[in-house]
Amino acid sequence: MESNFDGLSPKENINLPKTQWRSSYNPVALTTLEKITSEKIRSTRLEATDDDILKEVKPKQEKLGRYLDAIDKEVADNFEVFESQEHPGVRFSHSLVDVNKVAGLVHSRSSNQEQEKGPRSKLTYVIFTGYQPLPGGDPDDEIHAVYDRVLTVLPEIKTRPDQDIELHVLGLPSSMWGSVTEEWIKGLEKGALEKHEDPKEYKKSEYGFSQHGSLYAEFLKTVLNKNQDPQSKERVMFYGSSMGAVLASETAKKLPEIWNRLRVLVDVPTGAHQPTGKTIKLPFVGEMPFSGKGIQATTLFPVEALIRMAFDPLVKQSLGGKNAARQAFVDFQLERGMVPHDSDEENQLKKDANLQQIKLLIRGTPLDTKDFRSYVVQGMRDPATMGLKQVLHFDEKGKKFFKAGNRSLGMGINYTHWMDRGRWLGKWIRNIEQYEK
């Protein structure tokens, strides 16, 4: 198979296009902001006219839009592909957002004015991508999570001027710019069909999603500070939603040297249940793991997705196939010399890898809640992960917080698997205003 790896890194002498890439969620966020702000004003000020509402909404839209554009620029300009040495032939795309630089871009400065000279601390965020069929799975598919994490930590630029804040977004090896091998796929399948009498043996496995963990850990060792001093000022945060939650946990397991300064934040973890060790044979598909929780996750998740595609602009643009923003991102990266691995042969391998990932979601890969601190946000109405007994328990007890493990705290919120992203917008505006005071 002919490799096109030579085109994966941006050419030194290439001129970046003058046009600015804008994610599909950027205008969706601004429209949603207008909707929720208008509804709030109308419910509290009955005398407010359309002009009154417009005067309040437009400045907020313009302010938020400047930050979203700056984040989009960082994601597009810093897009790269990592080639593994431990897993030859396996690659994944990734991007970097410098939060201090975002603040500078918004205010037309080369850097953030609040930065102090001298010894500096560091906060490193790492976002893991959830399950995405081809051609998805690259960093632009997690842009809503990037927006949220960047705008969540934005006030720290002012309150902690001695701190640098970086955010890394990791794509999947089965994405457009990623690549997998037959050996990689065999490892995923071996993990999906593993059978152990002792449940603890699954945690020791080097197959399945553990492969993703070692792949991402290999990359992160090149970017994280190797300082193992417990008093180190560097903080590391992993974030993953849905399947990304499992990938975040599996990666953390491979990096014991950072456990003392690591926090893992996960939303609606999918495929994080205990394996049963049972398998069944199906026509056309072959041997499959069998788990009631796994079947629930992989059947009810797409059902909700289909329903939401009819009503939720974000979900529709995420799962509705090619869209203008995605094509613009592809064109932008091609101008930078970033050539996708999308030959027919490569795409077939990625489809095979995606099938094995679905099997792994059915099998289950429990989160590590013992070795490092983690925080789990569980959608109390999530049809993919919640059982009727759990839903009734939340309703009966009114319980919002729960113990998710020895070193893990859980919080239940009143959402389904596809959390209402609109709930973030008010927080984003408050954080921007707090930073700009």
Protein backbone atom coordinates (compact mmCIF):
# COMPACT_ATOMS: atom_id res chain seq x y z
CA MET A 1 0.00 0.00 0.00
CA GLU A 2 1.44 3.36 -1.01
CA SER A 3 1.90 5.75 1.90
CA ASN A 4 1.20 9.46 1.68
CA PHE A 5 2.80 10.27 5.04
CA ASP A 6 5.16 12.80 3.43
CA GLY A 7 2.27 15.22 3.12
CA LEU A 8 1.14 15.05 6.74
CA SER A 9 3.24 17.86 8.22
CA PRO A 10 2.73 21.47 7.12
CA LYS A 11 5.36 22.67 4.68
CA GLU A 12 7.72 25.25 6.13
CA ASN A 13 7.35 27.71 3.26
CA ILE A 14 3.59 27.45 2.72
CA ASN A 15 1.47 30.59 3.10
CA LEU A 16 -1.62 29.98 5.19
CA PRO A 17 -4.84 30.95 3.41
CA LYS A 18 -6.29 34.33 4.33
CA THR A 19 -9.76 32.88 4.83
CA GLN A 20 -10.65 31.87 8.38
CA TRP A 21 -12.11 28.41 8.99
CA ARG A 22 -15.24 28.46 11.12
CA SER A 23 -16.67 25.34 12.74
CA SER A 24 -20.26 24.26 12.16
CA TYR A 25 -21.02 24.72 15.86
CA ASN A 26 -19.85 28.34 15.87
CA PRO A 27 -23.02 29.81 14.27
CA VAL A 28 -25.17 27.22 16.07
CA ALA A 29 -23.82 28.47 19.42
CA LEU A 30 -24.51 32.10 18.52
CA THR A 31 -28.05 31.32 17.37
CA THR A 32 -28.68 29.31 20.54
CA LEU A 33 -27.34 32.17 22.65
CA GLU A 34 -29.81 34.52 20.97
CA LYS A 35 -32.68 32.12 21.63
CA ILE A 36 -32.02 31.45 25.31
CA THR A 37 -31.22 35.12 26.06
CA SER A 38 -34.40 36.29 24.33
CA GLU A 39 -36.50 33.74 26.22
CA LYS A 40 -34.99 34.80 29.54
CA ILE A 41 -35.65 38.49 28.88
CA ARG A 42 -39.24 37.88 27.75
CA SER A 43 -39.97 35.78 30.85
CA THR A 44 -38.65 38.39 33.30
CA ARG A 45 -39.47 41.64 31.49
CA LEU A 46 -42.86 41.47 29.87
CA GLU A 47 -42.58 45.04 28.61
CA ALA A 48 -39.36 44.36 26.64
CA THR A 49 -39.64 45.07 22.91
CA ASP A 50 -37.80 43.32 20.08
CA ASP A 51 -35.43 46.30 19.89
CA ASP A 52 -34.72 46.04 23.64
CA ILE A 53 -33.89 42.38 23.27
CA LEU A 54 -31.69 42.98 20.22
CA LYS A 55 -29.68 45.62 22.10
CA GLU A 56 -28.86 43.09 24.80
CA VAL A 57 -28.36 40.04 22.59
CA LYS A 58 -26.19 41.47 19.82
CA PRO A 59 -23.23 42.60 22.01
CA LYS A 60 -23.16 39.18 23.68
CA GLN A 61 -23.20 37.44 20.31
CA GLU A 62 -20.40 39.62 18.99
CA LYS A 63 -18.32 39.09 22.13
CA LEU A 64 -18.76 35.32 22.14
CA GLY A 65 -18.23 35.14 18.37
CA ARG A 66 -14.78 36.73 18.66
CA TYR A 67 -13.67 34.05 21.13
CA LEU A 68 -15.15 31.18 19.10
CA ASP A 69 -13.41 32.48 15.95
CA ALA A 70 -10.09 32.67 17.82
CA ILE A 71 -10.49 29.09 19.08
CA ASP A 72 -11.42 27.88 15.58
CA LYS A 73 -8.27 29.52 14.26
CA GLU A 74 -6.07 27.79 16.83
CA VAL A 75 -7.61 24.36 16.11
CA ALA A 76 -7.21 24.75 12.34
CA ASP A 77 -3.74 26.33 12.37
CA ASN A 78 -2.22 23.84 14.83
CA PHE A 79 -3.66 20.67 13.27
CA GLU A 80 -1.02 17.90 13.02
CA VAL A 81 -0.74 14.11 12.72
CA PHE A 82 1.21 11.90 15.11
CA GLU A 83 2.83 8.71 13.82
CA SER A 84 3.35 6.02 16.46
CA GLN A 85 6.64 4.21 16.87
CA GLU A 86 5.18 1.68 19.32
CA HIS A 87 2.35 0.83 16.91
CA PRO A 88 3.99 1.09 13.45
CA GLY A 89 1.63 2.33 10.77
CA VAL A 90 -0.91 3.77 13.25
CA ARG A 91 -1.50 7.53 13.22
CA PHE A 92 -3.99 10.00 14.64
CA SER A 93 -4.63 13.70 14.18
CA HIS A 94 -4.39 16.20 16.98
CA SER A 95 -4.48 19.94 17.55
CA LEU A 96 -3.34 22.46 20.14
CA VAL A 97 -5.09 25.51 21.58
CA ASP A 98 -3.03 28.02 23.55
CA VAL A 99 -5.63 29.68 25.79
CA ASN A 100 -3.37 32.63 26.56
CA LYS A 101 -2.95 33.19 22.82
CA VAL A 102 -6.73 32.99 22.26
CA ALA A 103 -7.17 35.90 24.69
CA GLY A 104 -4.51 37.80 22.78
CA LEU A 105 -6.11 37.11 19.40
CA VAL A 106 -9.50 38.37 20.60
CA HIS A 107 -7.99 41.67 21.71
CA SER A 108 -5.54 41.98 18.77
CA ARG A 109 -2.48 41.36 20.91
CA SER A 110 0.39 39.00 20.21
CA SER A 111 -0.06 37.53 23.69
CA ASN A 112 -2.10 37.97 26.83
CA GLN A 113 -1.22 41.17 28.72
CA GLU A 114 -1.71 39.63 32.16
CA GLN A 115 1.20 37.19 31.70
CA GLU A 116 4.01 37.62 34.21
CA LYS A 117 7.67 36.99 33.59
CA GLY A 118 9.68 34.58 35.71
CA PRO A 119 8.91 30.98 36.80
CA ARG A 120 5.64 29.79 35.32
CA SER A 121 3.16 27.09 36.21
CA LYS A 122 1.17 25.16 33.63
CA LEU A 123 -2.29 23.70 33.10
CA THR A 124 -2.58 21.11 30.34
CA TYR A 125 -6.00 19.94 29.18
CA VAL A 126 -6.35 16.86 26.96
CA ILE A 127 -9.66 16.17 25.17
CA PHE A 128 -10.38 12.67 23.86
CA THR A 129 -12.72 12.12 20.91
CA GLY A 130 -15.81 9.95 21.30
CA TYR A 131 -16.99 7.38 18.76
CA GLN A 132 -17.31 8.80 15.25
CA PRO A 133 -17.88 6.89 12.00
CA LEU A 134 -15.90 7.88 8.92
CA PRO A 135 -15.12 10.55 7.85
CA GLY A 136 -15.35 11.89 11.42
CA GLY A 137 -13.06 11.48 14.41
CA ASP A 138 -10.65 14.39 13.92
CA PRO A 139 -10.25 17.32 16.38
CA ASP A 140 -12.81 19.50 14.60
CA ASP A 141 -15.50 16.99 15.67
CA GLU A 142 -14.86 17.84 19.35
CA ILE A 143 -14.97 21.61 18.84
CA HIS A 144 -17.95 22.09 21.19
CA ALA A 145 -15.94 20.48 24.02
CA VAL A 146 -12.92 22.63 23.08
CA TYR A 147 -15.06 25.77 23.32
CA ASP A 148 -16.33 24.73 26.73
CA ARG A 149 -12.96 23.84 28.22
CA VAL A 150 -11.24 26.99 26.89
CA LEU A 151 -13.98 29.33 28.07
CA THR A 152 -14.20 27.52 31.42
CA VAL A 153 -10.54 28.20 32.26
CA LEU A 154 -10.40 31.66 30.63
CA PRO A 155 -10.75 33.59 33.94
CA GLU A 156 -7.62 31.82 35.25
CA ILE A 157 -5.53 33.88 32.83
CA LYS A 158 -6.31 36.88 35.02
CA THR A 159 -6.43 35.19 38.44
CA ARG A 160 -3.24 33.18 37.80
CA PRO A 161 -1.08 35.35 35.51
CA ASP A 162 1.96 33.14 36.10
CA GLN A 163 0.22 30.17 34.44
CA ASP A 164 0.32 28.91 30.84
CA ILE A 165 -2.77 27.02 29.68
CA GLU A 166 -2.66 24.58 26.76
CA LEU A 167 -5.36 22.31 25.43
CA HIS A 168 -4.62 19.27 23.26
CA VAL A 169 -7.41 17.63 21.23
CA LEU A 170 -6.73 14.02 20.19
CA GLY A 171 -8.48 12.48 17.19
CA LEU A 172 -9.11 8.80 16.53
CA PRO A 173 -6.78 6.57 14.47
CA SER A 174 -9.90 5.58 12.51
CA SER A 175 -10.52 9.17 11.36
CA MET A 176 -9.90 10.74 7.94
CA TRP A 177 -6.32 11.77 8.77
CA GLY A 178 -5.64 8.73 10.94
CA SER A 179 -4.48 5.30 9.85
CA VAL A 180 -4.68 1.78 11.25
CA THR A 181 -3.14 -1.56 10.39
CA GLU A 182 -4.39 -5.14 10.31
CA GLU A 183 -2.33 -5.80 13.45
CA TRP A 184 -4.09 -2.92 15.23
CA ILE A 185 -7.49 -4.29 14.24
CA LYS A 186 -6.56 -7.79 15.43
CA GLY A 187 -5.60 -6.32 18.80
CA LEU A 188 -8.97 -4.59 19.08
CA GLU A 189 -10.79 -7.81 18.18
CA LYS A 190 -8.76 -9.86 20.62
CA GLY A 191 -9.73 -7.43 23.36
CA ALA A 192 -13.40 -7.52 22.37
CA LEU A 193 -13.52 -11.33 22.63
CA GLU A 194 -11.39 -11.78 25.76
CA LYS A 195 -12.81 -14.05 28.45
CA HIS A 196 -11.54 -13.99 32.03
CA GLU A 197 -12.87 -15.68 35.15
CA ASP A 198 -11.44 -12.93 37.34
CA PRO A 199 -12.80 -9.47 36.39
CA LYS A 200 -9.50 -7.90 37.48
CA GLU A 201 -7.77 -9.61 34.54
CA TYR A 202 -9.61 -7.36 32.08
CA LYS A 203 -7.87 -4.35 33.62
CA LYS A 204 -4.47 -5.92 32.91
CA SER A 205 -5.21 -6.51 29.23
CA GLU A 206 -2.98 -4.91 26.60
CA TYR A 207 -5.66 -5.30 23.93
CA GLY A 208 -8.90 -3.52 23.11
CA PHE A 209 -9.07 0.12 24.17
CA SER A 210 -5.86 -0.41 26.11
CA GLN A 211 -4.18 -0.05 22.69
CA HIS A 212 -5.63 3.44 22.37
CA GLY A 213 -4.34 4.19 25.86
CA SER A 214 -0.78 3.23 24.97
CA LEU A 215 -1.00 5.12 21.66
CA TYR A 216 -2.14 8.37 23.26
CA ALA A 217 0.26 7.95 26.19
CA GLU A 218 3.14 7.66 23.72
CA PHE A 219 2.17 11.03 22.27
CA LEU A 220 1.47 12.72 25.62
CA LYS A 221 4.89 11.76 26.95
CA THR A 222 6.29 14.10 24.30
CA VAL A 223 4.22 17.09 25.44
CA LEU A 224 3.74 16.72 29.21
CA ASN A 225 6.26 17.99 31.68
CA LYS A 226 8.23 14.99 32.95
CA ASN A 227 8.57 16.55 36.41
CA GLN A 228 7.47 13.87 38.89
CA ASP A 229 7.87 16.10 41.96
CA PRO A 230 4.62 15.97 44.03
CA GLN A 231 5.04 19.74 44.52
CA SER A 232 5.12 20.37 40.78
CA LYS A 233 2.95 23.31 39.72
CA GLU A 234 1.92 21.60 36.49
CA ARG A 235 -1.67 20.38 36.50
CA VAL A 236 -3.05 17.91 33.96
CA MET A 237 -6.74 17.48 33.12
CA PHE A 238 -8.14 14.73 30.88
CA TYR A 239 -11.63 15.15 29.48
CA GLY A 240 -13.72 12.63 27.54
CA SER A 241 -17.38 12.19 26.71
CA SER A 242 -19.16 8.94 25.76
CA MET A 243 -16.50 6.58 24.33
CA GLY A 244 -13.95 9.34 24.91
CA ALA A 245 -14.41 8.78 28.65
CA VAL A 246 -13.06 5.23 28.33
CA LEU A 247 -10.14 6.43 26.17
CA ALA A 248 -9.26 9.08 28.77
CA SER A 249 -9.26 6.48 31.55
CA GLU A 250 -7.23 3.94 29.56
CA THR A 251 -4.65 6.59 28.69
CA ALA A 252 -4.36 7.74 32.29
CA LYS A 253 -3.64 4.15 33.35
CA LYS A 254 -0.54 4.22 31.12
CA LEU A 255 0.88 7.38 32.72
CA PRO A 256 1.45 6.63 36.44
CA GLU A 257 4.13 9.33 36.56
CA ILE A 258 1.44 12.05 36.39
CA TRP A 259 -1.20 10.51 38.68
CA ASN A 260 -0.35 12.89 41.55
CA ARG A 261 -1.26 15.93 39.40
CA LEU A 262 -3.91 14.41 37.14
CA ARG A 263 -7.69 14.86 37.20
CA VAL A 264 -9.91 12.92 34.79
CA LEU A 265 -13.27 14.52 33.94
CA VAL A 266 -15.79 12.38 32.04
CA ASP A 267 -19.31 12.99 30.75
CA VAL A 268 -21.88 10.22 30.17
CA PRO A 269 -19.28 7.42 29.91
CA THR A 270 -20.38 4.77 27.42
CA GLY A 271 -19.08 1.20 27.34
CA ALA A 272 -17.70 1.58 30.86
CA HIS A 273 -19.56 -1.40 32.35
CA GLN A 274 -18.04 -4.65 33.62
CA PRO A 275 -17.52 -7.34 30.91
CA THR A 276 -19.56 -10.54 31.25
CA GLY A 277 -17.09 -12.78 29.39
CA LYS A 278 -19.92 -14.09 27.19
CA THR A 279 -19.97 -14.13 23.39
CA ILE A 280 -22.44 -15.01 20.64
CA LYS A 281 -22.08 -15.72 16.93
CA LEU A 282 -24.04 -13.65 14.43
CA PRO A 283 -24.33 -14.03 10.65
CA PHE A 284 -22.11 -11.67 8.61
CA VAL A 285 -20.56 -10.23 11.77
CA GLY A 286 -19.09 -13.34 13.40
CA GLU A 287 -18.36 -13.74 17.09
CA MET A 288 -19.54 -10.85 19.25
CA PRO A 289 -19.30 -10.06 22.96
CA PHE A 290 -22.64 -10.35 24.74
CA SER A 291 -23.66 -7.90 27.44
CA GLY A 292 -27.06 -6.44 28.25
CA LYS A 293 -25.51 -3.06 29.17
CA GLY A 294 -23.44 -3.11 26.00
CA ILE A 295 -26.42 -3.89 23.77
CA GLN A 296 -28.37 -1.11 25.52
CA ALA A 297 -25.57 1.39 24.82
CA THR A 298 -25.08 0.50 21.16
CA THR A 299 -28.77 0.34 20.27
CA LEU A 300 -30.37 3.17 22.27
CA PHE A 301 -27.53 5.60 21.57
CA PRO A 302 -28.24 5.66 17.80
CA VAL A 303 -32.00 5.75 18.45
CA GLU A 304 -31.62 8.95 20.46
CA ALA A 305 -29.19 10.30 17.85
CA LEU A 306 -31.73 9.80 15.07
CA ILE A 307 -34.43 11.54 17.07
CA ARG A 308 -32.16 14.44 17.94
CA MET A 309 -31.01 14.83 14.33
CA ALA A 310 -34.51 16.06 13.60
CA PHE A 311 -34.46 18.72 16.34
CA ASP A 312 -30.90 19.50 17.43
CA PRO A 313 -28.75 21.49 14.92
CA LEU A 314 -25.51 20.37 16.57
CA VAL A 315 -26.33 16.67 16.39
CA LYS A 316 -27.59 17.05 12.83
CA GLN A 317 -24.35 18.70 11.74
CA SER A 318 -22.26 16.17 13.68
CA LEU A 319 -23.92 13.04 12.32
CA GLY A 320 -25.69 14.18 9.17
CA GLY A 321 -22.79 13.40 6.86
CA LYS A 322 -20.65 15.95 5.05
CA ASN A 323 -21.34 19.62 5.74
CA ALA A 324 -19.89 22.87 4.46
CA ALA A 325 -17.78 23.50 7.57
CA ARG A 326 -16.24 20.02 7.45
CA GLN A 327 -15.40 20.39 3.76
CA ALA A 328 -13.92 23.83 4.44
CA PHE A 329 -11.73 22.27 7.14
CA VAL A 330 -10.54 19.60 4.70
CA ASP A 331 -9.76 22.24 2.06
CA PHE A 332 -7.96 24.39 4.63
CA GLN A 333 -5.74 21.50 5.72
CA LEU A 334 -5.00 20.48 2.13
CA GLU A 335 -3.69 24.00 1.53
CA ARG A 336 -1.38 23.47 4.53
CA GLY A 337 -0.13 20.24 3.02
CA MET A 338 -2.04 17.97 5.38
CA VAL A 339 -3.06 15.05 3.17
CA PRO A 340 -5.69 12.63 4.55
CA HIS A 341 -5.23 8.87 4.60
CA ASP A 342 -8.42 8.15 2.72
CA SER A 343 -7.66 5.64 0.00
CA ASP A 344 -10.20 2.84 -0.48
CA GLU A 345 -7.88 0.34 1.17
CA GLU A 346 -7.19 2.61 4.15
CA ASN A 347 -10.87 3.46 4.60
CA GLN A 348 -11.79 -0.22 4.62
CA LEU A 349 -9.29 -0.84 7.42
CA LYS A 350 -10.79 2.04 9.38
CA LYS A 351 -14.29 0.66 8.92
CA ASP A 352 -13.05 -2.68 10.24
CA ALA A 353 -11.51 -0.87 13.21
CA ASN A 354 -14.79 0.94 13.87
CA LEU A 355 -16.64 -2.38 13.96
CA GLN A 356 -14.21 -3.67 16.59
CA GLN A 357 -14.67 -0.46 18.58
CA ILE A 358 -18.42 -1.10 18.62
CA LYS A 359 -17.72 -4.64 19.87
CA LEU A 360 -15.54 -3.18 22.62
CA LEU A 361 -18.33 -0.81 23.63
CA ILE A 362 -20.61 -3.84 23.91
CA ARG A 363 -18.03 -5.81 25.90
CA GLY A 364 -17.36 -3.02 28.38
CA THR A 365 -14.19 -1.38 29.73
CA PRO A 366 -14.64 -0.15 33.33
CA LEU A 367 -13.22 3.23 34.23
CA ASP A 368 -10.24 3.29 36.58
CA THR A 369 -11.53 4.95 39.75
CA LYS A 370 -8.74 3.81 42.04
CA ASP A 371 -5.37 5.06 40.83
CA PHE A 372 -6.14 8.74 40.09
CA ARG A 373 -8.86 11.24 40.87
CA SER A 374 -11.80 11.29 38.49
CA TYR A 375 -15.13 13.07 38.24
CA VAL A 376 -18.08 11.50 36.43
CA VAL A 377 -21.05 13.44 35.09
CA GLN A 378 -23.95 11.05 34.45
CA GLY A 379 -27.02 11.97 32.42
CA MET A 380 -29.90 10.76 34.62
CA ARG A 381 -32.10 10.35 31.51
CA ASP A 382 -29.44 8.76 29.33
CA PRO A 383 -31.08 5.79 27.56
CA ALA A 384 -27.67 4.42 26.52
CA THR A 385 -26.30 3.96 30.04
CA MET A 386 -29.03 4.34 32.66
CA GLY A 387 -31.27 1.52 33.85
CA LEU A 388 -34.83 2.01 35.12
CA LYS A 389 -33.72 1.20 38.67
CA GLN A 390 -31.08 3.95 38.56
CA VAL A 391 -33.52 6.50 37.14
CA LEU A 392 -36.06 5.73 39.88
CA HIS A 393 -33.33 5.94 42.52
CA PHE A 394 -32.35 9.44 41.39
CA ASP A 395 -36.01 10.52 41.32
CA GLU A 396 -36.83 8.99 44.71
CA LYS A 397 -33.78 10.21 46.58
CA GLY A 398 -33.29 13.42 44.66
CA LYS A 399 -29.63 12.50 44.76
CA LYS A 400 -27.30 14.56 42.62
CA PHE A 401 -23.91 13.42 43.89
CA PHE A 402 -22.74 9.84 44.31
CA LYS A 403 -19.55 7.91 44.95
CA ALA A 404 -18.33 6.51 41.63
CA GLY A 405 -15.26 4.73 43.02
CA ASN A 406 -12.48 4.91 45.59
CA ARG A 407 -11.12 8.15 44.13
CA SER A 408 -14.05 9.16 41.99
CA LEU A 409 -16.99 11.48 42.58
CA GLY A 410 -20.10 11.31 40.40
CA MET A 411 -22.78 13.87 39.72
CA GLY A 412 -26.14 13.22 38.12
CA ILE A 413 -27.70 15.86 35.88
CA ASN A 414 -31.12 15.91 34.29
CA TYR A 415 -30.02 15.24 30.70
CA THR A 416 -29.93 12.37 28.22
CA HIS A 417 -26.82 11.08 26.40
CA TRP A 418 -26.75 14.08 24.09
CA MET A 419 -26.44 16.73 26.77
CA ASP A 420 -28.03 20.09 26.10
CA ARG A 421 -25.03 22.12 24.92
CA GLY A 422 -27.08 25.30 25.34
CA ARG A 423 -26.57 25.01 29.09
CA TRP A 424 -22.94 26.04 28.55
CA LEU A 425 -23.60 29.35 26.84
CA GLY A 426 -24.56 31.32 29.93
CA LYS A 427 -21.41 30.10 31.65
CA TRP A 428 -19.29 31.07 28.65
CA ILE A 429 -20.60 34.65 28.65
CA ARG A 430 -20.15 34.96 32.44
CA ASN A 431 -16.56 33.73 32.21
CA ILE A 432 -15.75 36.09 29.34
CA GLU A 433 -17.18 39.04 31.26
CA GLN A 434 -15.29 37.98 34.39
CA TYR A 435 -12.04 37.86 32.44
CA GLU A 436 -12.64 41.21 30.72
CA LYS A 437 -13.54 43.15 33.87
